[in-house]
Amino acid sequence: MKLLIDANIILDVLQKREPHYKYSAIIWKLCETRKVTGFVSVLTFMNMVYILRKELTPEKIEETYKALSLIFTFEDLTEEDVKNALMKKQKDFEDAVQMETAERIGADFIITRNVKDFMKSSIPAYTPLEFMQRVEFDD
C-alpha cells in the first residue's frame, strides 16, 4: 500500500506536537516497518526545512534528510505535476501539487491532518486516526 505523507504528519513526529503525535507516529512506524510504503514529496521536505529553519543548521538538515530517507521514499517534483496542479485551480497550490504527486505515484491514500484541503483529490485523504480506523494491519 502506498501512502503520500503530508508535511504536518512528519512535523508532528519530529516536533512531538500534541495532541497529534500519537497517531502520526503510528503512520511513521508503519512506514518504518514497511507495512506500507510512505512517500514524501521533495516539496514537502523543502517546506519542512523552511518551517524549521530557525532550529536547523545545514548539518542538521542533512542529518534529518538521511534519517527520513531510511523510512520514506522521497518523490521528485515534476514539471507535469506543476502544470496539472495549476489546472486544478485550488486555493492552496502546494496541496494541488501534493494531489498531483499522489496521482502520479499511484498512491492509495494521502495522509494529512488537513483533509478538507484535499476534498477535490482523486486520491482519498485521511487523518492518521481515520486511516487507522479504516485499514487493518496484522501485528
N, C-alpha and C. Protein backbone atom coordinates (compact mmCIF):
# COMPACT_ATOMS: atom_id res chain seq x y z
N MET A 1 0.85 -1.17 0.00
CA MET A 1 0.00 0.00 0.00
C MET A 1 0.90 1.24 0.00
N LYS A 2 0.56 2.19 -0.87
CA LYS A 2 1.34 3.43 -1.00
C LYS A 2 0.60 4.59 -0.34
N LEU A 3 1.32 5.31 0.51
CA LEU A 3 0.78 6.48 1.16
C LEU A 3 1.62 7.69 0.81
N LEU A 4 0.99 8.79 0.45
CA LEU A 4 1.71 10.06 0.34
C LEU A 4 1.53 10.76 1.68
N ILE A 5 2.63 11.04 2.34
CA ILE A 5 2.61 11.61 3.68
C ILE A 5 2.80 13.12 3.59
N ASP A 6 1.87 13.86 4.16
CA ASP A 6 1.93 15.33 4.15
C ASP A 6 2.90 15.81 5.23
N ALA A 7 3.37 17.02 5.06
CA ALA A 7 4.38 17.60 5.97
C ALA A 7 3.90 17.63 7.41
N ASN A 8 2.61 17.92 7.63
CA ASN A 8 2.17 18.05 9.02
C ASN A 8 2.32 16.75 9.80
N ILE A 9 2.25 15.61 9.14
CA ILE A 9 2.40 14.32 9.82
C ILE A 9 3.85 14.15 10.27
N ILE A 10 4.78 14.45 9.40
CA ILE A 10 6.19 14.31 9.75
C ILE A 10 6.58 15.32 10.82
N LEU A 11 6.08 16.55 10.68
CA LEU A 11 6.39 17.56 11.69
C LEU A 11 5.80 17.21 13.06
N ASP A 12 4.61 16.56 13.06
CA ASP A 12 4.04 16.11 14.34
C ASP A 12 5.02 15.23 15.09
N VAL A 13 5.68 14.35 14.35
CA VAL A 13 6.62 13.41 14.99
C VAL A 13 7.93 14.10 15.34
N LEU A 14 8.49 14.83 14.38
CA LEU A 14 9.78 15.48 14.64
C LEU A 14 9.71 16.47 15.81
N GLN A 15 8.58 17.16 15.92
CA GLN A 15 8.43 18.16 16.97
C GLN A 15 7.59 17.67 18.15
N LYS A 16 7.18 16.40 18.10
CA LYS A 16 6.34 15.81 19.16
C LYS A 16 5.15 16.72 19.49
N ARG A 17 4.44 17.13 18.43
CA ARG A 17 3.32 18.05 18.59
C ARG A 17 2.09 17.30 19.12
N GLU A 18 1.63 17.73 20.26
CA GLU A 18 0.43 17.16 20.87
C GLU A 18 -0.78 18.00 20.44
N PRO A 19 -1.92 17.39 20.29
CA PRO A 19 -2.28 16.01 20.58
C PRO A 19 -2.10 15.08 19.38
N HIS A 20 -1.39 15.49 18.36
CA HIS A 20 -1.31 14.76 17.10
C HIS A 20 -0.20 13.71 17.05
N TYR A 21 0.74 13.81 17.96
CA TYR A 21 1.94 12.98 17.90
C TYR A 21 1.62 11.48 17.83
N LYS A 22 0.73 11.01 18.68
CA LYS A 22 0.47 9.57 18.81
C LYS A 22 0.11 8.91 17.48
N TYR A 23 -0.88 9.42 16.78
CA TYR A 23 -1.32 8.77 15.55
C TYR A 23 -0.39 9.05 14.37
N SER A 24 0.23 10.21 14.37
CA SER A 24 1.23 10.47 13.33
C SER A 24 2.42 9.53 13.49
N ALA A 25 2.80 9.26 14.73
CA ALA A 25 3.90 8.33 15.00
C ALA A 25 3.55 6.91 14.56
N ILE A 26 2.29 6.53 14.66
CA ILE A 26 1.86 5.20 14.18
C ILE A 26 2.04 5.11 12.67
N ILE A 27 1.67 6.16 11.95
CA ILE A 27 1.86 6.17 10.49
C ILE A 27 3.35 6.05 10.18
N TRP A 28 4.16 6.83 10.87
CA TRP A 28 5.62 6.80 10.71
C TRP A 28 6.13 5.37 10.91
N LYS A 29 5.66 4.70 11.98
CA LYS A 29 6.11 3.34 12.31
C LYS A 29 5.68 2.34 11.22
N LEU A 30 4.48 2.51 10.68
CA LEU A 30 4.03 1.63 9.59
C LEU A 30 4.97 1.74 8.39
N CYS A 31 5.43 2.95 8.13
CA CYS A 31 6.37 3.17 7.01
C CYS A 31 7.74 2.58 7.36
N GLU A 32 8.16 2.79 8.57
CA GLU A 32 9.48 2.31 9.01
C GLU A 32 9.56 0.79 8.98
N THR A 33 8.48 0.13 9.34
CA THR A 33 8.46 -1.34 9.38
C THR A 33 8.03 -1.95 8.04
N ARG A 34 7.82 -1.08 7.05
CA ARG A 34 7.48 -1.49 5.68
C ARG A 34 6.13 -2.20 5.57
N LYS A 35 5.24 -1.92 6.51
CA LYS A 35 3.88 -2.43 6.37
C LYS A 35 3.14 -1.64 5.30
N VAL A 36 3.58 -0.41 5.09
CA VAL A 36 3.12 0.44 3.99
C VAL A 36 4.36 1.12 3.42
N THR A 37 4.22 1.65 2.20
CA THR A 37 5.31 2.42 1.62
C THR A 37 4.92 3.89 1.73
N GLY A 38 5.70 4.62 2.48
CA GLY A 38 5.44 6.04 2.69
C GLY A 38 6.25 6.88 1.73
N PHE A 39 5.57 7.70 0.96
CA PHE A 39 6.22 8.61 0.03
C PHE A 39 6.11 10.02 0.58
N VAL A 40 7.18 10.77 0.39
CA VAL A 40 7.21 12.18 0.78
C VAL A 40 7.71 12.96 -0.43
N SER A 41 6.97 13.96 -0.80
CA SER A 41 7.38 14.81 -1.91
C SER A 41 8.61 15.61 -1.50
N VAL A 42 9.54 15.83 -2.44
CA VAL A 42 10.68 16.69 -2.12
C VAL A 42 10.18 18.10 -1.78
N LEU A 43 9.04 18.49 -2.34
CA LEU A 43 8.44 19.77 -1.97
C LEU A 43 8.11 19.80 -0.48
N THR A 44 7.61 18.70 0.04
CA THR A 44 7.31 18.59 1.46
C THR A 44 8.57 18.78 2.29
N PHE A 45 9.65 18.12 1.88
CA PHE A 45 10.90 18.26 2.63
C PHE A 45 11.37 19.71 2.62
N MET A 46 11.30 20.35 1.47
CA MET A 46 11.73 21.75 1.38
C MET A 46 10.86 22.63 2.28
N ASN A 47 9.57 22.40 2.29
CA ASN A 47 8.67 23.18 3.15
C ASN A 47 8.98 22.94 4.63
N MET A 48 9.30 21.71 4.99
CA MET A 48 9.64 21.41 6.38
C MET A 48 10.92 22.13 6.79
N VAL A 49 11.91 22.13 5.92
CA VAL A 49 13.15 22.84 6.22
C VAL A 49 12.86 24.32 6.41
N TYR A 50 11.99 24.88 5.58
CA TYR A 50 11.64 26.29 5.72
C TYR A 50 10.95 26.53 7.06
N ILE A 51 10.01 25.69 7.42
CA ILE A 51 9.29 25.84 8.68
C ILE A 51 10.24 25.74 9.87
N LEU A 52 11.19 24.83 9.78
CA LEU A 52 12.12 24.57 10.89
C LEU A 52 13.43 25.36 10.78
N ARG A 53 13.50 26.31 9.87
CA ARG A 53 14.76 26.98 9.54
C ARG A 53 15.50 27.55 10.74
N LYS A 54 14.79 28.01 11.75
CA LYS A 54 15.45 28.58 12.93
C LYS A 54 16.05 27.51 13.84
N GLU A 55 15.58 26.27 13.68
CA GLU A 55 16.05 25.18 14.52
C GLU A 55 17.13 24.33 13.84
N LEU A 56 17.34 24.51 12.54
CA LEU A 56 18.20 23.60 11.79
C LEU A 56 19.46 24.27 11.25
N THR A 57 20.57 23.66 11.54
CA THR A 57 21.82 24.04 10.90
C THR A 57 21.91 23.25 9.59
N PRO A 58 22.82 23.62 8.69
CA PRO A 58 22.99 22.81 7.47
C PRO A 58 23.29 21.34 7.79
N GLU A 59 24.05 21.10 8.83
CA GLU A 59 24.36 19.71 9.22
C GLU A 59 23.11 18.98 9.70
N LYS A 60 22.26 19.67 10.45
CA LYS A 60 21.03 19.06 10.96
C LYS A 60 20.05 18.79 9.81
N ILE A 61 20.03 19.66 8.81
CA ILE A 61 19.18 19.43 7.63
C ILE A 61 19.61 18.14 6.94
N GLU A 62 20.92 17.98 6.75
CA GLU A 62 21.43 16.77 6.10
C GLU A 62 21.12 15.54 6.94
N GLU A 63 21.32 15.64 8.24
CA GLU A 63 21.04 14.52 9.14
C GLU A 63 19.56 14.13 9.09
N THR A 64 18.69 15.12 9.09
CA THR A 64 17.25 14.87 9.03
C THR A 64 16.87 14.21 7.71
N TYR A 65 17.42 14.71 6.62
CA TYR A 65 17.13 14.12 5.31
C TYR A 65 17.57 12.65 5.28
N LYS A 66 18.76 12.38 5.74
CA LYS A 66 19.26 11.00 5.74
C LYS A 66 18.40 10.09 6.59
N ALA A 67 17.99 10.57 7.76
CA ALA A 67 17.15 9.76 8.65
C ALA A 67 15.78 9.50 8.01
N LEU A 68 15.19 10.55 7.42
CA LEU A 68 13.88 10.37 6.80
C LEU A 68 13.95 9.46 5.58
N SER A 69 15.06 9.53 4.85
CA SER A 69 15.18 8.71 3.64
C SER A 69 15.34 7.22 3.95
N LEU A 70 15.63 6.89 5.19
CA LEU A 70 15.66 5.48 5.61
C LEU A 70 14.24 4.94 5.82
N ILE A 71 13.31 5.84 6.05
CA ILE A 71 11.93 5.47 6.38
C ILE A 71 10.99 5.71 5.20
N PHE A 72 11.17 6.83 4.54
CA PHE A 72 10.26 7.26 3.48
C PHE A 72 10.98 7.28 2.13
N THR A 73 10.20 7.14 1.07
CA THR A 73 10.72 7.29 -0.28
C THR A 73 10.46 8.73 -0.72
N PHE A 74 11.51 9.46 -1.02
CA PHE A 74 11.34 10.83 -1.49
C PHE A 74 10.98 10.80 -2.97
N GLU A 75 9.94 11.54 -3.30
CA GLU A 75 9.45 11.58 -4.66
C GLU A 75 9.72 12.95 -5.26
N ASP A 76 10.36 12.96 -6.43
CA ASP A 76 10.68 14.21 -7.10
C ASP A 76 9.43 14.95 -7.53
N LEU A 77 9.58 16.24 -7.67
CA LEU A 77 8.54 17.10 -8.20
C LEU A 77 8.82 17.24 -9.69
N THR A 78 7.79 17.07 -10.51
CA THR A 78 7.98 17.18 -11.96
C THR A 78 7.28 18.43 -12.50
N GLU A 79 7.72 18.83 -13.66
CA GLU A 79 7.08 19.95 -14.33
C GLU A 79 5.61 19.62 -14.61
N GLU A 80 5.36 18.38 -14.95
CA GLU A 80 3.98 17.95 -15.23
C GLU A 80 3.11 18.07 -13.98
N ASP A 81 3.68 17.75 -12.81
CA ASP A 81 2.93 17.93 -11.55
C ASP A 81 2.51 19.39 -11.41
N VAL A 82 3.44 20.30 -11.67
CA VAL A 82 3.16 21.73 -11.53
C VAL A 82 2.09 22.16 -12.53
N LYS A 83 2.23 21.74 -13.79
CA LYS A 83 1.24 22.12 -14.82
C LYS A 83 -0.15 21.60 -14.45
N ASN A 84 -0.22 20.35 -14.05
CA ASN A 84 -1.52 19.76 -13.69
C ASN A 84 -2.11 20.42 -12.44
N ALA A 85 -1.24 20.75 -11.50
CA ALA A 85 -1.71 21.42 -10.28
C ALA A 85 -2.29 22.79 -10.60
N LEU A 86 -1.66 23.49 -11.52
CA LEU A 86 -2.17 24.80 -11.92
C LEU A 86 -3.57 24.69 -12.51
N MET A 87 -3.83 23.62 -13.25
CA MET A 87 -5.15 23.43 -13.87
C MET A 87 -6.23 23.12 -12.84
N LYS A 88 -5.84 22.65 -11.67
CA LYS A 88 -6.82 22.33 -10.62
C LYS A 88 -7.45 23.60 -10.02
N LYS A 89 -6.76 24.72 -10.14
CA LYS A 89 -7.27 26.00 -9.63
C LYS A 89 -7.65 25.90 -8.14
N GLN A 90 -6.82 25.21 -7.38
CA GLN A 90 -7.01 25.08 -5.93
C GLN A 90 -6.60 26.37 -5.25
N LYS A 91 -7.21 26.65 -4.10
CA LYS A 91 -6.78 27.80 -3.31
C LYS A 91 -5.33 27.62 -2.85
N ASP A 92 -5.00 26.43 -2.41
CA ASP A 92 -3.65 26.15 -1.92
C ASP A 92 -2.90 25.37 -3.00
N PHE A 93 -2.01 26.07 -3.69
CA PHE A 93 -1.27 25.47 -4.79
C PHE A 93 -0.43 24.29 -4.33
N GLU A 94 0.19 24.39 -3.17
CA GLU A 94 1.03 23.31 -2.66
C GLU A 94 0.21 22.03 -2.48
N ASP A 95 -1.01 22.15 -2.00
CA ASP A 95 -1.88 20.97 -1.85
C ASP A 95 -2.21 20.38 -3.22
N ALA A 96 -2.43 21.22 -4.21
CA ALA A 96 -2.70 20.74 -5.57
C ALA A 96 -1.50 19.96 -6.11
N VAL A 97 -0.30 20.45 -5.81
CA VAL A 97 0.91 19.72 -6.22
C VAL A 97 0.99 18.37 -5.51
N GLN A 98 0.62 18.35 -4.24
CA GLN A 98 0.61 17.09 -3.49
C GLN A 98 -0.37 16.09 -4.12
N MET A 99 -1.53 16.59 -4.51
CA MET A 99 -2.53 15.72 -5.16
C MET A 99 -1.97 15.13 -6.45
N GLU A 100 -1.34 15.97 -7.24
CA GLU A 100 -0.74 15.50 -8.50
C GLU A 100 0.34 14.46 -8.25
N THR A 101 1.17 14.71 -7.27
CA THR A 101 2.22 13.75 -6.94
C THR A 101 1.61 12.42 -6.52
N ALA A 102 0.59 12.49 -5.69
CA ALA A 102 -0.08 11.26 -5.23
C ALA A 102 -0.66 10.49 -6.41
N GLU A 103 -1.27 11.20 -7.34
CA GLU A 103 -1.84 10.54 -8.52
C GLU A 103 -0.74 9.89 -9.37
N ARG A 104 0.35 10.64 -9.59
CA ARG A 104 1.42 10.14 -10.46
C ARG A 104 2.09 8.89 -9.89
N ILE A 105 2.26 8.83 -8.58
CA ILE A 105 2.94 7.65 -8.00
C ILE A 105 1.98 6.50 -7.74
N GLY A 106 0.69 6.73 -7.97
CA GLY A 106 -0.30 5.68 -7.73
C GLY A 106 -0.55 5.44 -6.26
N ALA A 107 -0.53 6.52 -5.48
CA ALA A 107 -0.77 6.39 -4.03
C ALA A 107 -2.20 5.89 -3.80
N ASP A 108 -2.35 5.10 -2.76
CA ASP A 108 -3.67 4.64 -2.37
C ASP A 108 -4.38 5.68 -1.52
N PHE A 109 -3.59 6.39 -0.69
CA PHE A 109 -4.15 7.38 0.22
C PHE A 109 -3.15 8.52 0.42
N ILE A 110 -3.69 9.68 0.76
CA ILE A 110 -2.90 10.81 1.24
C ILE A 110 -3.15 10.88 2.74
N ILE A 111 -2.08 10.96 3.52
CA ILE A 111 -2.22 11.05 4.96
C ILE A 111 -1.86 12.47 5.38
N THR A 112 -2.83 13.15 5.97
CA THR A 112 -2.69 14.56 6.32
C THR A 112 -3.63 14.88 7.47
N ARG A 113 -3.36 15.96 8.17
CA ARG A 113 -4.33 16.44 9.15
C ARG A 113 -5.25 17.48 8.53
N ASN A 114 -4.99 17.86 7.30
CA ASN A 114 -5.80 18.87 6.61
C ASN A 114 -6.64 18.23 5.51
N VAL A 115 -7.44 17.28 5.89
CA VAL A 115 -8.24 16.52 4.92
C VAL A 115 -9.11 17.44 4.07
N LYS A 116 -9.66 18.47 4.66
CA LYS A 116 -10.55 19.38 3.91
C LYS A 116 -9.84 20.03 2.73
N ASP A 117 -8.52 20.17 2.82
CA ASP A 117 -7.77 20.77 1.71
C ASP A 117 -7.62 19.82 0.52
N PHE A 118 -7.98 18.56 0.72
CA PHE A 118 -7.83 17.55 -0.33
C PHE A 118 -9.17 16.98 -0.79
N MET A 119 -10.24 17.74 -0.57
CA MET A 119 -11.57 17.27 -0.94
C MET A 119 -11.72 17.00 -2.44
N LYS A 120 -10.98 17.73 -3.27
CA LYS A 120 -11.08 17.56 -4.72
C LYS A 120 -10.09 16.54 -5.26
N SER A 121 -9.37 15.88 -4.37
CA SER A 121 -8.37 14.91 -4.79
C SER A 121 -9.03 13.62 -5.26
N SER A 122 -8.46 13.03 -6.30
CA SER A 122 -8.94 11.72 -6.74
C SER A 122 -8.42 10.61 -5.82
N ILE A 123 -7.41 10.94 -5.02
CA ILE A 123 -6.85 10.00 -4.03
C ILE A 123 -7.46 10.35 -2.68
N PRO A 124 -8.08 9.39 -1.99
CA PRO A 124 -8.69 9.71 -0.69
C PRO A 124 -7.64 10.21 0.30
N ALA A 125 -8.02 11.22 1.07
CA ALA A 125 -7.16 11.77 2.10
C ALA A 125 -7.77 11.48 3.47
N TYR A 126 -6.92 10.99 4.36
CA TYR A 126 -7.35 10.65 5.72
C TYR A 126 -6.38 11.22 6.74
N THR A 127 -6.90 11.53 7.90
CA THR A 127 -6.02 11.83 9.02
C THR A 127 -5.39 10.50 9.45
N PRO A 128 -4.32 10.53 10.23
CA PRO A 128 -3.76 9.27 10.71
C PRO A 128 -4.79 8.41 11.46
N LEU A 129 -5.60 9.03 12.31
CA LEU A 129 -6.60 8.27 13.05
C LEU A 129 -7.64 7.66 12.11
N GLU A 130 -8.14 8.44 11.14
CA GLU A 130 -9.11 7.91 10.18
C GLU A 130 -8.52 6.73 9.41
N PHE A 131 -7.27 6.86 9.01
CA PHE A 131 -6.61 5.78 8.28
C PHE A 131 -6.55 4.52 9.14
N MET A 132 -6.15 4.66 10.39
CA MET A 132 -6.05 3.50 11.28
C MET A 132 -7.42 2.86 11.52
N GLN A 133 -8.47 3.65 11.53
CA GLN A 133 -9.82 3.11 11.73
C GLN A 133 -10.33 2.37 10.49
N ARG A 134 -9.80 2.70 9.32
CA ARG A 134 -10.29 2.12 8.06
C ARG A 134 -9.47 0.93 7.58
N VAL A 135 -8.22 0.85 7.97
CA VAL A 135 -7.32 -0.16 7.44
C VAL A 135 -6.84 -1.04 8.58
N GLU A 136 -6.91 -2.36 8.38
CA GLU A 136 -6.43 -3.29 9.39
C GLU A 136 -5.05 -3.80 9.02
N PHE A 137 -4.22 -3.95 10.04
CA PHE A 137 -2.86 -4.48 9.84
C PHE A 137 -2.66 -5.65 10.78
N ASP A 138 -1.91 -6.65 10.27
CA ASP A 138 -1.54 -7.78 11.12
C ASP A 138 -0.42 -7.33 12.03
N ASP A 139 -0.45 -7.80 13.27
CA ASP A 139 0.66 -7.47 14.20
C ASP A 139 1.87 -8.31 13.97
